[in-house]
PDB file of N, CA and C in Angstrom:
ATOM      1  N   UNK A   1       8.299 -13.472 -13.659  1.00  0.00           N
ATOM      2  CA  UNK A   1       8.613 -12.073 -13.781  1.00  0.00           C
ATOM      3  C   UNK A   1       8.119 -11.366 -12.524  1.00  0.00           C
ATOM      4  N   UNK A   2       8.975 -10.580 -11.965  1.00  0.00           N
ATOM      5  CA  UNK A   2       8.629  -9.814 -10.784  1.00  0.00           C
ATOM      6  C   UNK A   2       8.107  -8.447 -11.233  1.00  0.00           C
ATOM      7  N   UNK A   3       6.819  -8.200 -11.043  1.00  0.00           N
ATOM      8  CA  UNK A   3       6.172  -6.988 -11.540  1.00  0.00           C
ATOM      9  C   UNK A   3       6.729  -5.737 -10.869  1.00  0.00           C
ATOM     10  N   UNK A   4       6.976  -5.801  -9.585  1.00  0.00           N
ATOM     11  CA  UNK A   4       7.469  -4.633  -8.863  1.00  0.00           C
ATOM     12  C   UNK A   4       8.849  -4.227  -9.392  1.00  0.00           C
ATOM     13  N   UNK A   5       9.719  -5.200  -9.593  1.00  0.00           N
ATOM     14  CA  UNK A   5      11.048  -4.896 -10.125  1.00  0.00           C
ATOM     15  C   UNK A   5      10.963  -4.345 -11.539  1.00  0.00           C
ATOM     16  N   UNK A   6      10.070  -4.882 -12.340  1.00  0.00           N
ATOM     17  CA  UNK A   6       9.887  -4.388 -13.701  1.00  0.00           C
ATOM     18  C   UNK A   6       9.426  -2.933 -13.702  1.00  0.00           C
ATOM     19  N   UNK A   7       8.445  -2.614 -12.895  1.00  0.00           N
ATOM     20  CA  UNK A   7       7.898  -1.257 -12.859  1.00  0.00           C
ATOM     21  C   UNK A   7       8.949  -0.263 -12.366  1.00  0.00           C
ATOM     22  N   UNK A   8       9.654  -0.596 -11.281  1.00  0.00           N
ATOM     23  CA  UNK A   8      10.670   0.327 -10.774  1.00  0.00           C
ATOM     24  C   UNK A   8      11.851   0.437 -11.731  1.00  0.00           C
ATOM     25  N   UNK A   9      12.226  -0.658 -12.388  1.00  0.00           N
ATOM     26  CA  UNK A   9      13.299  -0.598 -13.370  1.00  0.00           C
ATOM     27  C   UNK A   9      12.950   0.304 -14.538  1.00  0.00           C
ATOM     28  N   UNK A  10      11.720   0.180 -15.042  1.00  0.00           N
ATOM     29  CA  UNK A  10      11.285   1.049 -16.132  1.00  0.00           C
ATOM     30  C   UNK A  10      11.235   2.508 -15.700  1.00  0.00           C
ATOM     31  N   UNK A  11      10.807   2.746 -14.478  1.00  0.00           N
ATOM     32  CA  UNK A  11      10.758   4.120 -13.986  1.00  0.00           C
ATOM     33  C   UNK A  11      12.151   4.734 -13.918  1.00  0.00           C
ATOM     34  N   UNK A  12      13.110   4.002 -13.357  1.00  0.00           N
ATOM     35  CA  UNK A  12      14.451   4.555 -13.218  1.00  0.00           C
ATOM     36  C   UNK A  12      15.142   4.733 -14.564  1.00  0.00           C
ATOM     37  N   UNK A  13      14.932   3.811 -15.495  1.00  0.00           N
ATOM     38  CA  UNK A  13      15.512   3.971 -16.834  1.00  0.00           C
ATOM     39  C   UNK A  13      14.885   5.183 -17.529  1.00  0.00           C
ATOM     40  N   UNK A  14      13.578   5.311 -17.439  1.00  0.00           N
ATOM     41  CA  UNK A  14      12.907   6.462 -18.052  1.00  0.00           C
ATOM     42  C   UNK A  14      13.324   7.779 -17.419  1.00  0.00           C
ATOM     43  N   UNK A  15      13.465   7.797 -16.100  1.00  0.00           N
ATOM     44  CA  UNK A  15      13.896   9.023 -15.420  1.00  0.00           C
ATOM     45  C   UNK A  15      15.315   9.387 -15.824  1.00  0.00           C
ATOM     46  N   UNK A  16      16.177   8.394 -16.000  1.00  0.00           N
ATOM     47  CA  UNK A  16      17.548   8.669 -16.424  1.00  0.00           C
ATOM     48  C   UNK A  16      17.577   9.218 -17.847  1.00  0.00           C
ATOM     49  N   UNK A  17      16.715   8.700 -18.723  1.00  0.00           N
ATOM     50  CA  UNK A  17      16.648   9.207 -20.094  1.00  0.00           C
ATOM     51  C   UNK A  17      16.162  10.660 -20.093  1.00  0.00           C
ATOM     52  N   UNK A  18      15.130  10.944 -19.320  1.00  0.00           N
ATOM     53  CA  UNK A  18      14.610  12.319 -19.244  1.00  0.00           C
ATOM     54  C   UNK A  18      15.668  13.249 -18.670  1.00  0.00           C
ATOM     55  N   UNK A  19      16.361  12.823 -17.635  1.00  0.00           N
ATOM     56  CA  UNK A  19      17.405  13.644 -17.025  1.00  0.00           C
ATOM     57  C   UNK A  19      18.541  13.883 -18.012  1.00  0.00           C
ATOM     58  N   UNK A  20      18.913  12.845 -18.767  1.00  0.00           N
ATOM     59  CA  UNK A  20      19.971  12.997 -19.758  1.00  0.00           C
ATOM     60  C   UNK A  20      19.585  13.938 -20.882  1.00  0.00           C
ATOM     61  N   UNK A  21      18.336  13.851 -21.325  1.00  0.00           N
ATOM     62  CA  UNK A  21      17.875  14.752 -22.381  1.00  0.00           C
ATOM     63  C   UNK A  21      17.773  16.186 -21.881  1.00  0.00           C
ATOM     64  N   UNK A  22      17.385  16.364 -20.634  1.00  0.00           N
ATOM     65  CA  UNK A  22      17.252  17.719 -20.087  1.00  0.00           C
ATOM     66  C   UNK A  22      18.611  18.382 -19.936  1.00  0.00           C
ATOM     67  N   UNK A  23      19.652  17.595 -19.710  1.00  0.00           N
ATOM     68  CA  UNK A  23      20.973  18.163 -19.516  1.00  0.00           C
ATOM     69  C   UNK A  23      21.732  18.403 -20.808  1.00  0.00           C
ATOM     70  N   UNK A  24      21.277  17.840 -21.909  1.00  0.00           N
ATOM     71  CA  UNK A  24      22.007  18.005 -23.166  1.00  0.00           C
ATOM     72  C   UNK A  24      21.534  19.252 -23.903  1.00  0.00           C
ATOM     73  N   UNK A  25      22.428  19.831 -24.650  1.00  0.00           N
ATOM     74  CA  UNK A  25      22.092  21.038 -25.411  1.00  0.00           C
ATOM     75  C   UNK A  25      21.282  20.643 -26.643  1.00  0.00           C
ATOM     76  N   UNK A  26      20.322  21.445 -26.971  1.00  0.00           N
ATOM     77  CA  UNK A  26      19.524  21.197 -28.164  1.00  0.00           C
ATOM     78  C   UNK A  26      18.245  20.420 -27.916  1.00  0.00           C
ATOM     79  N   UNK A  27      18.099  19.800 -26.764  1.00  0.00           N
ATOM     80  CA  UNK A  27      16.866  19.074 -26.432  1.00  0.00           C
ATOM     81  C   UNK A  27      16.139  19.843 -25.339  1.00  0.00           C
ATOM     82  N   UNK A  28      14.909  20.150 -25.619  1.00  0.00           N
ATOM     83  CA  UNK A  28      14.111  20.841 -24.620  1.00  0.00           C
ATOM     84  C   UNK A  28      13.098  19.857 -24.044  1.00  0.00           C
ATOM     85  N   UNK A  29      13.198  19.570 -22.764  1.00  0.00           N
ATOM     86  CA  UNK A  29      12.269  18.665 -22.093  1.00  0.00           C
ATOM     87  C   UNK A  29      11.281  19.527 -21.336  1.00  0.00           C
ATOM     88  N   UNK A  30      10.048  19.414 -21.711  1.00  0.00           N
ATOM     89  CA  UNK A  30       9.006  20.226 -21.066  1.00  0.00           C
ATOM     90  C   UNK A  30       8.448  19.503 -19.853  1.00  0.00           C
ATOM     91  N   UNK A  31       7.490  20.111 -19.197  1.00  0.00           N
ATOM     92  CA  UNK A  31       6.930  19.580 -17.964  1.00  0.00           C
ATOM     93  C   UNK A  31       6.067  18.350 -18.131  1.00  0.00           C
ATOM     94  N   UNK A  32       5.812  17.907 -19.346  1.00  0.00           N
ATOM     95  CA  UNK A  32       4.939  16.759 -19.551  1.00  0.00           C
ATOM     96  C   UNK A  32       5.704  15.442 -19.585  1.00  0.00           C
ATOM     97  N   UNK A  33       7.020  15.467 -19.628  1.00  0.00           N
ATOM     98  CA  UNK A  33       7.798  14.239 -19.800  1.00  0.00           C
ATOM     99  C   UNK A  33       7.669  13.301 -18.594  1.00  0.00           C
ATOM    100  N   UNK A  34       7.816  13.817 -17.395  1.00  0.00           N
ATOM    101  CA  UNK A  34       7.732  12.968 -16.205  1.00  0.00           C
ATOM    102  C   UNK A  34       6.321  12.408 -15.989  1.00  0.00           C
ATOM    103  N   UNK A  35       5.248  13.185 -16.137  1.00  0.00           N
ATOM    104  CA  UNK A  35       3.910  12.579 -16.008  1.00  0.00           C
ATOM    105  C   UNK A  35       3.638  11.497 -17.047  1.00  0.00           C
ATOM    106  N   UNK A  36       4.117  11.696 -18.270  1.00  0.00           N
ATOM    107  CA  UNK A  36       3.936  10.661 -19.303  1.00  0.00           C
ATOM    108  C   UNK A  36       4.701   9.404 -18.920  1.00  0.00           C
ATOM    109  N   UNK A  37       5.914   9.578 -18.389  1.00  0.00           N
ATOM    110  CA  UNK A  37       6.691   8.426 -17.930  1.00  0.00           C
ATOM    111  C   UNK A  37       5.959   7.674 -16.829  1.00  0.00           C
ATOM    112  N   UNK A  38       5.425   8.388 -15.861  1.00  0.00           N
ATOM    113  CA  UNK A  38       4.714   7.736 -14.757  1.00  0.00           C
ATOM    114  C   UNK A  38       3.464   7.009 -15.242  1.00  0.00           C
ATOM    115  N   UNK A  39       2.736   7.586 -16.163  1.00  0.00           N
ATOM    116  CA  UNK A  39       1.544   6.935 -16.699  1.00  0.00           C
ATOM    117  C   UNK A  39       1.926   5.684 -17.475  1.00  0.00           C
ATOM    118  N   UNK A  40       2.965   5.766 -18.305  1.00  0.00           N
ATOM    119  CA  UNK A  40       3.388   4.611 -19.095  1.00  0.00           C
ATOM    120  C   UNK A  40       3.868   3.471 -18.204  1.00  0.00           C
ATOM    121  N   UNK A  41       4.666   3.783 -17.188  1.00  0.00           N
ATOM    122  CA  UNK A  41       5.156   2.749 -16.279  1.00  0.00           C
ATOM    123  C   UNK A  41       3.999   2.149 -15.475  1.00  0.00           C
ATOM    124  N   UNK A  42       3.055   2.974 -15.076  1.00  0.00           N
ATOM    125  CA  UNK A  42       1.876   2.459 -14.369  1.00  0.00           C
ATOM    126  C   UNK A  42       1.042   1.536 -15.234  1.00  0.00           C
ATOM    127  N   UNK A  43       0.890   1.875 -16.503  1.00  0.00           N
ATOM    128  CA  UNK A  43       0.145   1.002 -17.411  1.00  0.00           C
ATOM    129  C   UNK A  43       0.852  -0.331 -17.628  1.00  0.00           C
ATOM    130  N   UNK A  44       2.172  -0.302 -17.740  1.00  0.00           N
ATOM    131  CA  UNK A  44       2.920  -1.555 -17.878  1.00  0.00           C
ATOM    132  C   UNK A  44       2.736  -2.417 -16.635  1.00  0.00           C
ATOM    133  N   UNK A  45       2.821  -1.814 -15.472  1.00  0.00           N
ATOM    134  CA  UNK A  45       2.608  -2.568 -14.232  1.00  0.00           C
ATOM    135  C   UNK A  45       1.209  -3.127 -14.127  1.00  0.00           C
ATOM    136  N   UNK A  46       0.220  -2.346 -14.541  1.00  0.00           N
ATOM    137  CA  UNK A  46      -1.160  -2.815 -14.512  1.00  0.00           C
ATOM    138  C   UNK A  46      -1.383  -3.965 -15.481  1.00  0.00           C
ATOM    139  N   UNK A  47      -0.866  -3.838 -16.679  1.00  0.00           N
ATOM    140  CA  UNK A  47      -1.036  -4.901 -17.683  1.00  0.00           C
ATOM    141  C   UNK A  47      -0.332  -6.183 -17.281  1.00  0.00           C
ATOM    142  N   UNK A  48       0.862  -6.098 -16.715  1.00  0.00           N
ATOM    143  CA  UNK A  48       1.551  -7.317 -16.300  1.00  0.00           C
ATOM    144  C   UNK A  48       0.880  -7.968 -15.101  1.00  0.00           C
ATOM    145  N   UNK A  49       0.257  -7.190 -14.248  1.00  0.00           N
ATOM    146  CA  UNK A  49      -0.441  -7.798 -13.113  1.00  0.00           C
ATOM    147  C   UNK A  49      -1.762  -8.429 -13.539  1.00  0.00           C
ATOM    148  N   UNK A  50      -2.358  -7.926 -14.603  1.00  0.00           N
ATOM    149  CA  UNK A  50      -3.624  -8.483 -15.065  1.00  0.00           C
ATOM    150  C   UNK A  50      -3.460  -9.742 -15.912  1.00  0.00           C
ATOM    151  N   UNK A  51      -2.291  -9.957 -16.497  1.00  0.00           N
ATOM    152  CA  UNK A  51      -2.103 -11.140 -17.334  1.00  0.00           C
ATOM    153  C   UNK A  51      -2.103 -12.415 -16.514  1.00  0.00           C
ATOM    154  N   UNK A  52      -1.694 -12.332 -15.266  1.00  0.00           N
ATOM    155  CA  UNK A  52      -1.765 -13.495 -14.394  1.00  0.00           C
ATOM    156  C   UNK A  52      -0.687 -14.518 -14.636  1.00  0.00           C
ATOM    157  N   UNK A  53       0.395 -14.139 -15.294  1.00  0.00           N
ATOM    158  CA  UNK A  53       1.487 -15.081 -15.495  1.00  0.00           C
ATOM    159  C   UNK A  53       2.401 -15.015 -14.295  1.00  0.00           C
ATOM    160  N   UNK A  54       2.511 -16.114 -13.606  1.00  0.00           N
ATOM    161  CA  UNK A  54       3.386 -16.134 -12.447  1.00  0.00           C
ATOM    162  C   UNK A  54       3.216 -17.435 -11.680  1.00  0.00           C
ATOM    163  N   UNK A  55       4.179 -17.766 -10.837  1.00  0.00           N
ATOM    164  CA  UNK A  55       4.108 -19.026 -10.101  1.00  0.00           C
ATOM    165  C   UNK A  55       3.019 -19.040  -9.046  1.00  0.00           C
ATOM    166  N   UNK A  56       2.533 -17.892  -8.612  1.00  0.00           N
ATOM    167  CA  UNK A  56       1.525 -17.856  -7.554  1.00  0.00           C
ATOM    168  C   UNK A  56       0.158 -18.293  -8.047  1.00  0.00           C
ATOM    169  N   UNK A  57      -0.074 -18.226  -9.348  1.00  0.00           N
ATOM    170  CA  UNK A  57      -1.395 -18.533  -9.866  1.00  0.00           C
ATOM    171  C   UNK A  57      -1.513 -19.960 -10.404  1.00  0.00           C
ATOM    172  N   UNK A  58      -0.450 -20.748 -10.313  1.00  0.00           N
ATOM    173  CA  UNK A  58      -0.520 -22.127 -10.783  1.00  0.00           C
ATOM    174  C   UNK A  58      -1.375 -22.946  -9.834  1.00  0.00           C
ATOM    175  N   UNK A  59      -2.081 -23.903 -10.411  1.00  0.00           N
ATOM    176  CA  UNK A  59      -2.907 -24.776  -9.591  1.00  0.00           C
ATOM    177  C   UNK A  59      -2.017 -25.829  -8.941  1.00  0.00           C
ATOM    178  N   UNK A  60      -2.314 -26.188  -7.696  1.00  0.00           N
ATOM    179  CA  UNK A  60      -1.483 -27.210  -7.048  1.00  0.00           C
ATOM    180  C   UNK A  60      -1.679 -28.570  -7.715  1.00  0.00           C
ATOM    181  N   UNK A  61      -0.619 -29.337  -7.687  1.00  0.00           N
ATOM    182  CA  UNK A  61      -0.675 -30.669  -8.301  1.00  0.00           C
ATOM    183  C   UNK A  61      -1.599 -31.573  -7.486  1.00  0.00           C
ATOM    184  N   UNK A  62      -2.313 -32.432  -8.198  1.00  0.00           N
ATOM    185  CA  UNK A  62      -3.225 -33.363  -7.523  1.00  0.00           C
ATOM    186  C   UNK A  62      -2.414 -34.419  -6.786  1.00  0.00           C
ATOM    187  N   UNK A  63      -2.842 -34.742  -5.590  1.00  0.00           N
ATOM    188  CA  UNK A  63      -2.164 -35.756  -4.782  1.00  0.00           C
ATOM    189  C   UNK A  63      -2.879 -37.086  -4.995  1.00  0.00           C
ATOM    190  N   UNK A  64      -2.108 -38.091  -5.422  1.00  0.00           N
ATOM    191  CA  UNK A  64      -2.707 -39.410  -5.634  1.00  0.00           C
ATOM    192  C   UNK A  64      -2.717 -40.172  -4.313  1.00  0.00           C
ATOM    193  N   UNK A  65      -3.855 -40.787  -4.052  1.00  0.00           N
ATOM    194  CA  UNK A  65      -3.973 -41.587  -2.846  1.00  0.00           C
ATOM    195  C   UNK A  65      -3.554 -43.016  -3.169  1.00  0.00           C
ATOM    196  N   UNK A  66      -2.907 -43.670  -2.221  1.00  0.00           N
ATOM    197  CA  UNK A  66      -2.490 -45.059  -2.481  1.00  0.00           C
ATOM    198  C   UNK A  66      -3.716 -45.973  -2.597  1.00  0.00           C
ATOM    199  N   UNK A  67      -3.589 -46.981  -3.439  1.00  0.00           N
ATOM    200  CA  UNK A  67      -4.679 -47.942  -3.632  1.00  0.00           C
ATOM    201  C   UNK A  67      -4.835 -48.789  -2.370  1.00  0.00           C
ATOM    202  N   UNK A  68      -6.071 -49.055  -1.978  1.00  0.00           N
ATOM    203  CA  UNK A  68      -6.285 -49.902  -0.773  1.00  0.00           C
ATOM    204  C   UNK A  68      -5.875 -51.343  -1.054  1.00  0.00           C
ATOM    205  N   UNK A  69      -5.297 -51.987  -0.045  1.00  0.00           N
ATOM    206  CA  UNK A  69      -4.918 -53.395  -0.186  1.00  0.00           C
ATOM    207  C   UNK A  69      -6.157 -54.260  -0.085  1.00  0.00           C
ATOM    208  N   UNK A  70      -6.284 -55.202  -1.026  1.00  0.00           N
ATOM    209  CA  UNK A  70      -7.462 -56.080  -1.035  1.00  0.00           C
ATOM    210  C   UNK A  70      -7.203 -57.396  -0.413  1.00  0.00           C
TER     211      UNK A  70
END
């Protein structure tokens, strides 16, 4: 999982939802929606980076040495 792509994807989806709600009649979007979105996306990015799941954190495979000829 690419954390940067996940965080930016969540941000853009959330921003589109907020923009869509602000443009529709009957929904009032106050000034707290965007800061809440940024905090939530930041927390998701922080949590995914702390879990340590990814190919960069795998231990390298042990290299077997050939047996000496006797």
